Amino acid sequence: MKFCKIQDTLNRCSSFLDVACIALDNEHFFPEGNTVSLLLEDVNNRINTCVEELEKMKGNNKK
């Protein structure tokens, strides 16, 4: 059960990274402005949330 939750969290993290790579590869398609920067900031926040979730799972394992 715990392994599935960890795998799910890592899969979400990977999906967010895929979104970031697609955005960077296609930056010229975005309108002027900080669209890509905002997207990357959002991706970064989501990845950090995943890392926090993994850290909590790791912390719970020690008990």
PDB file of N, CA and C in Angstrom:
ATOM      1  N   MET A   1       0.834  -1.201   0.000  1.00  0.00           N
ATOM      2  CA  MET A   1       0.000   0.000   0.000  1.00  0.00           C
ATOM      3  C   MET A   1       0.868   1.250   0.000  1.00  0.00           C
ATOM      4  N   LYS A   2       1.850   1.261   0.923  1.00  0.00           N
ATOM      5  CA  LYS A   2       2.723   2.431   1.014  1.00  0.00           C
ATOM      6  C   LYS A   2       3.540   2.594  -0.272  1.00  0.00           C
ATOM      7  N   PHE A   3       4.004   1.458  -0.825  1.00  0.00           N
ATOM      8  CA  PHE A   3       4.777   1.514  -2.065  1.00  0.00           C
ATOM      9  C   PHE A   3       3.945   2.142  -3.176  1.00  0.00           C
ATOM     10  N   CYS A   4       2.663   1.790  -3.262  1.00  0.00           N
ATOM     11  CA  CYS A   4       1.789   2.342  -4.304  1.00  0.00           C
ATOM     12  C   CYS A   4       1.654   3.846  -4.151  1.00  0.00           C
ATOM     13  N   LYS A   5       1.558   4.316  -2.906  1.00  0.00           N
ATOM     14  CA  LYS A   5       1.423   5.751  -2.662  1.00  0.00           C
ATOM     15  C   LYS A   5       2.708   6.479  -3.064  1.00  0.00           C
ATOM     16  N   ILE A   6       3.850   5.882  -2.730  1.00  0.00           N
ATOM     17  CA  ILE A   6       5.135   6.481  -3.116  1.00  0.00           C
ATOM     18  C   ILE A   6       5.255   6.513  -4.634  1.00  0.00           C
ATOM     19  N   GLN A   7       4.897   5.403  -5.281  1.00  0.00           N
ATOM     20  CA  GLN A   7       4.986   5.335  -6.744  1.00  0.00           C
ATOM     21  C   GLN A   7       4.058   6.359  -7.393  1.00  0.00           C
ATOM     22  N   ASP A   8       2.866   6.520  -6.849  1.00  0.00           N
ATOM     23  CA  ASP A   8       1.915   7.498  -7.367  1.00  0.00           C
ATOM     24  C   ASP A   8       2.483   8.910  -7.242  1.00  0.00           C
ATOM     25  N   THR A   9       3.085   9.209  -6.102  1.00  0.00           N
ATOM     26  CA  THR A   9       3.677  10.533  -5.888  1.00  0.00           C
ATOM     27  C   THR A   9       4.816  10.774  -6.866  1.00  0.00           C
ATOM     28  N   LEU A  10       5.657   9.776  -7.072  1.00  0.00           N
ATOM     29  CA  LEU A  10       6.767   9.924  -8.024  1.00  0.00           C
ATOM     30  C   LEU A  10       6.256  10.065  -9.459  1.00  0.00           C
ATOM     31  N   ASN A  11       5.185   9.359  -9.786  1.00  0.00           N
ATOM     32  CA  ASN A  11       4.601   9.484 -11.124  1.00  0.00           C
ATOM     33  C   ASN A  11       4.070  10.893 -11.362  1.00  0.00           C
ATOM     34  N   ARG A  12       3.426  11.459 -10.343  1.00  0.00           N
ATOM     35  CA  ARG A  12       2.920  12.835 -10.481  1.00  0.00           C
ATOM     36  C   ARG A  12       4.088  13.795 -10.674  1.00  0.00           C
ATOM     37  N   CYS A  13       5.140  13.590  -9.910  1.00  0.00           N
ATOM     38  CA  CYS A  13       6.334  14.432 -10.022  1.00  0.00           C
ATOM     39  C   CYS A  13       6.891  14.346 -11.441  1.00  0.00           C
ATOM     40  N   SER A  14       6.964  13.145 -11.981  1.00  0.00           N
ATOM     41  CA  SER A  14       7.460  12.932 -13.334  1.00  0.00           C
ATOM     42  C   SER A  14       6.571  13.627 -14.361  1.00  0.00           C
ATOM     43  N   SER A  15       5.262  13.565 -14.162  1.00  0.00           N
ATOM     44  CA  SER A  15       4.330  14.226 -15.080  1.00  0.00           C
ATOM     45  C   SER A  15       4.545  15.731 -15.080  1.00  0.00           C
ATOM     46  N   PHE A  16       4.779  16.296 -13.898  1.00  0.00           N
ATOM     47  CA  PHE A  16       5.015  17.737 -13.810  1.00  0.00           C
ATOM     48  C   PHE A  16       6.296  18.113 -14.545  1.00  0.00           C
ATOM     49  N   LEU A  17       7.317  17.258 -14.440  1.00  0.00           N
ATOM     50  CA  LEU A  17       8.570  17.514 -15.158  1.00  0.00           C
ATOM     51  C   LEU A  17       8.357  17.438 -16.668  1.00  0.00           C
ATOM     52  N   ASP A  18       7.525  16.505 -17.107  1.00  0.00           N
ATOM     53  CA  ASP A  18       7.202  16.398 -18.538  1.00  0.00           C
ATOM     54  C   ASP A  18       6.551  17.671 -19.032  1.00  0.00           C
ATOM     55  N   VAL A  19       5.628  18.218 -18.238  1.00  0.00           N
ATOM     56  CA  VAL A  19       4.960  19.470 -18.607  1.00  0.00           C
ATOM     57  C   VAL A  19       5.985  20.589 -18.746  1.00  0.00           C
ATOM     58  N   ALA A  20       6.918  20.656 -17.813  1.00  0.00           N
ATOM     59  CA  ALA A  20       7.943  21.702 -17.857  1.00  0.00           C
ATOM     60  C   ALA A  20       8.805  21.573 -19.113  1.00  0.00           C
ATOM     61  N   CYS A  21       9.189  20.349 -19.451  1.00  0.00           N
ATOM     62  CA  CYS A  21      10.023  20.133 -20.644  1.00  0.00           C
ATOM     63  C   CYS A  21       9.281  20.515 -21.915  1.00  0.00           C
ATOM     64  N   ILE A  22       8.010  20.148 -21.996  1.00  0.00           N
ATOM     65  CA  ILE A  22       7.210  20.502 -23.174  1.00  0.00           C
ATOM     66  C   ILE A  22       7.108  22.017 -23.291  1.00  0.00           C
ATOM     67  N   ALA A  23       6.882  22.678 -22.160  1.00  0.00           N
ATOM     68  CA  ALA A  23       6.767  24.140 -22.171  1.00  0.00           C
ATOM     69  C   ALA A  23       8.064  24.781 -22.659  1.00  0.00           C
ATOM     70  N   LEU A  24       9.187  24.287 -22.165  1.00  0.00           N
ATOM     71  CA  LEU A  24      10.474  24.866 -22.567  1.00  0.00           C
ATOM     72  C   LEU A  24      10.762  24.606 -24.046  1.00  0.00           C
ATOM     73  N   ASP A  25      10.417  23.410 -24.503  1.00  0.00           N
ATOM     74  CA  ASP A  25      10.651  23.064 -25.905  1.00  0.00           C
ATOM     75  C   ASP A  25       9.789  23.898 -26.850  1.00  0.00           C
ATOM     76  N   ASN A  26       8.620  24.331 -26.357  1.00  0.00           N
ATOM     77  CA  ASN A  26       7.676  25.051 -27.208  1.00  0.00           C
ATOM     78  C   ASN A  26       7.478  26.496 -26.768  1.00  0.00           C
ATOM     79  N   GLU A  27       8.480  27.045 -26.136  1.00  0.00           N
ATOM     80  CA  GLU A  27       8.380  28.394 -25.590  1.00  0.00           C
ATOM     81  C   GLU A  27       7.966  29.415 -26.650  1.00  0.00           C
ATOM     82  N   HIS A  28       8.402  29.203 -27.895  1.00  0.00           N
ATOM     83  CA  HIS A  28       8.098  30.163 -28.959  1.00  0.00           C
ATOM     84  C   HIS A  28       6.612  30.184 -29.308  1.00  0.00           C
ATOM     85  N   PHE A  29       5.848  29.165 -28.876  1.00  0.00           N
ATOM     86  CA  PHE A  29       4.411  29.151 -29.153  1.00  0.00           C
ATOM     87  C   PHE A  29       3.619  29.991 -28.150  1.00  0.00           C
ATOM     88  N   PHE A  30       4.262  30.297 -27.023  1.00  0.00           N
ATOM     89  CA  PHE A  30       3.551  31.045 -25.987  1.00  0.00           C
ATOM     90  C   PHE A  30       3.497  32.529 -26.335  1.00  0.00           C
ATOM     91  N   PRO A  31       2.417  33.214 -25.953  1.00  0.00           N
ATOM     92  CA  PRO A  31       2.346  34.657 -26.183  1.00  0.00           C
ATOM     93  C   PRO A  31       3.401  35.379 -25.355  1.00  0.00           C
ATOM     94  N   GLU A  32       3.642  36.623 -25.704  1.00  0.00           N
ATOM     95  CA  GLU A  32       4.623  37.415 -24.959  1.00  0.00           C
ATOM     96  C   GLU A  32       4.238  37.458 -23.488  1.00  0.00           C
ATOM     97  N   GLY A  33       5.214  37.517 -22.648  1.00  0.00           N
ATOM     98  CA  GLY A  33       4.943  37.581 -21.215  1.00  0.00           C
ATOM     99  C   GLY A  33       5.668  36.473 -20.479  1.00  0.00           C
ATOM    100  N   ASN A  34       5.253  36.285 -19.274  1.00  0.00           N
ATOM    101  CA  ASN A  34       5.926  35.323 -18.409  1.00  0.00           C
ATOM    102  C   ASN A  34       5.190  33.995 -18.342  1.00  0.00           C
ATOM    103  N   THR A  35       4.497  33.625 -19.411  1.00  0.00           N
ATOM    104  CA  THR A  35       3.696  32.405 -19.382  1.00  0.00           C
ATOM    105  C   THR A  35       4.530  31.195 -18.993  1.00  0.00           C
ATOM    106  N   VAL A  36       5.680  31.020 -19.623  1.00  0.00           N
ATOM    107  CA  VAL A  36       6.514  29.857 -19.336  1.00  0.00           C
ATOM    108  C   VAL A  36       7.087  29.959 -17.927  1.00  0.00           C
ATOM    109  N   SER A  37       7.496  31.161 -17.533  1.00  0.00           N
ATOM    110  CA  SER A  37       8.037  31.336 -16.182  1.00  0.00           C
ATOM    111  C   SER A  37       7.000  30.985 -15.129  1.00  0.00           C
ATOM    112  N   LEU A  38       5.770  31.445 -15.357  1.00  0.00           N
ATOM    113  CA  LEU A  38       4.700  31.132 -14.406  1.00  0.00           C
ATOM    114  C   LEU A  38       4.419  29.627 -14.378  1.00  0.00           C
ATOM    115  N   LEU A  39       4.431  29.011 -15.549  1.00  0.00           N
ATOM    116  CA  LEU A  39       4.202  27.573 -15.621  1.00  0.00           C
ATOM    117  C   LEU A  39       5.304  26.819 -14.886  1.00  0.00           C
ATOM    118  N   LEU A  40       6.544  27.227 -15.105  1.00  0.00           N
ATOM    119  CA  LEU A  40       7.660  26.550 -14.447  1.00  0.00           C
ATOM    120  C   LEU A  40       7.619  26.756 -12.939  1.00  0.00           C
ATOM    121  N   GLU A  41       7.196  27.922 -12.505  1.00  0.00           N
ATOM    122  CA  GLU A  41       7.053  28.179 -11.069  1.00  0.00           C
ATOM    123  C   GLU A  41       5.990  27.255 -10.477  1.00  0.00           C
ATOM    124  N   ASP A  42       4.882  27.099 -11.199  1.00  0.00           N
ATOM    125  CA  ASP A  42       3.820  26.207 -10.755  1.00  0.00           C
ATOM    126  C   ASP A  42       4.315  24.760 -10.693  1.00  0.00           C
ATOM    127  N   VAL A  43       5.043  24.339 -11.738  1.00  0.00           N
ATOM    128  CA  VAL A  43       5.599  22.982 -11.774  1.00  0.00           C
ATOM    129  C   VAL A  43       6.549  22.785 -10.590  1.00  0.00           C
ATOM    130  N   ASN A  44       7.378  23.777 -10.334  1.00  0.00           N
ATOM    131  CA  ASN A  44       8.319  23.700  -9.216  1.00  0.00           C
ATOM    132  C   ASN A  44       7.580  23.549  -7.888  1.00  0.00           C
ATOM    133  N   ASN A  45       6.528  24.323  -7.718  1.00  0.00           N
ATOM    134  CA  ASN A  45       5.737  24.229  -6.482  1.00  0.00           C
ATOM    135  C   ASN A  45       5.102  22.859  -6.334  1.00  0.00           C
ATOM    136  N   ARG A  46       4.598  22.322  -7.432  1.00  0.00           N
ATOM    137  CA  ARG A  46       3.963  21.003  -7.380  1.00  0.00           C
ATOM    138  C   ARG A  46       4.989  19.910  -7.067  1.00  0.00           C
ATOM    139  N   ILE A  47       6.182  20.021  -7.648  1.00  0.00           N
ATOM    140  CA  ILE A  47       7.233  19.045  -7.362  1.00  0.00           C
ATOM    141  C   ILE A  47       7.659  19.141  -5.900  1.00  0.00           C
ATOM    142  N   ASN A  48       7.785  20.362  -5.397  1.00  0.00           N
ATOM    143  CA  ASN A  48       8.144  20.533  -3.989  1.00  0.00           C
ATOM    144  C   ASN A  48       7.102  19.900  -3.075  1.00  0.00           C
ATOM    145  N   THR A  49       5.834  20.020  -3.456  1.00  0.00           N
ATOM    146  CA  THR A  49       4.763  19.397  -2.681  1.00  0.00           C
ATOM    147  C   THR A  49       4.922  17.880  -2.688  1.00  0.00           C
ATOM    148  N   CYS A  50       5.256  17.318  -3.849  1.00  0.00           N
ATOM    149  CA  CYS A  50       5.489  15.871  -3.943  1.00  0.00           C
ATOM    150  C   CYS A  50       6.657  15.453  -3.052  1.00  0.00           C
ATOM    151  N   VAL A  51       7.725  16.237  -3.065  1.00  0.00           N
ATOM    152  CA  VAL A  51       8.898  15.927  -2.244  1.00  0.00           C
ATOM    153  C   VAL A  51       8.513  15.968  -0.765  1.00  0.00           C
ATOM    154  N   GLU A  52       7.715  16.959  -0.369  1.00  0.00           N
ATOM    155  CA  GLU A  52       7.257  17.048   1.018  1.00  0.00           C
ATOM    156  C   GLU A  52       6.433  15.814   1.395  1.00  0.00           C
ATOM    157  N   GLU A  53       5.568  15.390   0.475  1.00  0.00           N
ATOM    158  CA  GLU A  53       4.765  14.187   0.733  1.00  0.00           C
ATOM    159  C   GLU A  53       5.671  12.968   0.938  1.00  0.00           C
ATOM    160  N   LEU A  54       6.694  12.847   0.100  1.00  0.00           N
ATOM    161  CA  LEU A  54       7.620  11.715   0.217  1.00  0.00           C
ATOM    162  C   LEU A  54       8.390  11.790   1.538  1.00  0.00           C
ATOM    163  N   GLU A  55       8.781  12.988   1.950  1.00  0.00           N
ATOM    164  CA  GLU A  55       9.491  13.159   3.215  1.00  0.00           C
ATOM    165  C   GLU A  55       8.600  12.760   4.392  1.00  0.00           C
ATOM    166  N   LYS A  56       7.317  13.121   4.320  1.00  0.00           N
ATOM    167  CA  LYS A  56       6.376  12.744   5.383  1.00  0.00           C
ATOM    168  C   LYS A  56       6.242  11.230   5.447  1.00  0.00           C
ATOM    169  N   MET A  57       6.154  10.586   4.264  1.00  0.00           N
ATOM    170  CA  MET A  57       6.050   9.126   4.231  1.00  0.00           C
ATOM    171  C   MET A  57       7.304   8.506   4.843  1.00  0.00           C
ATOM    172  N   LYS A  58       8.446   9.088   4.516  1.00  0.00           N
ATOM    173  CA  LYS A  58       9.715   8.583   5.049  1.00  0.00           C
ATOM    174  C   LYS A  58       9.741   8.754   6.572  1.00  0.00           C
ATOM    175  N   GLY A  59       9.254   9.901   7.035  1.00  0.00           N
ATOM    176  CA  GLY A  59       9.217  10.162   8.478  1.00  0.00           C
ATOM    177  C   GLY A  59       8.281   9.207   9.199  1.00  0.00           C
ATOM    178  N   ASN A  60       7.154   8.871   8.590  1.00  0.00           N
ATOM    179  CA  ASN A  60       6.195   7.958   9.199  1.00  0.00           C
ATOM    180  C   ASN A  60       6.760   6.544   9.287  1.00  0.00           C
ATOM    181  N   ASN A  61       7.676   6.222   8.398  1.00  0.00           N
ATOM    182  CA  ASN A  61       8.258   4.881   8.365  1.00  0.00           C
ATOM    183  C   ASN A  61       9.163   4.644   9.569  1.00  0.00           C
ATOM    184  N   LYS A  62       9.714   5.733  10.142  1.00  0.00           N
ATOM    185  CA  LYS A  62      10.652   5.601  11.254  1.00  0.00           C
ATOM    186  C   LYS A  62       9.941   5.225  12.554  1.00  0.00           C
ATOM    187  N   LYS A  63       8.637   5.474  12.627  1.00  0.00           N
ATOM    188  CA  LYS A  63       7.899   5.232  13.873  1.00  0.00           C
ATOM    189  C   LYS A  63       7.643   3.765  14.076  1.00  0.00           C
TER     190      LYS A  63
END
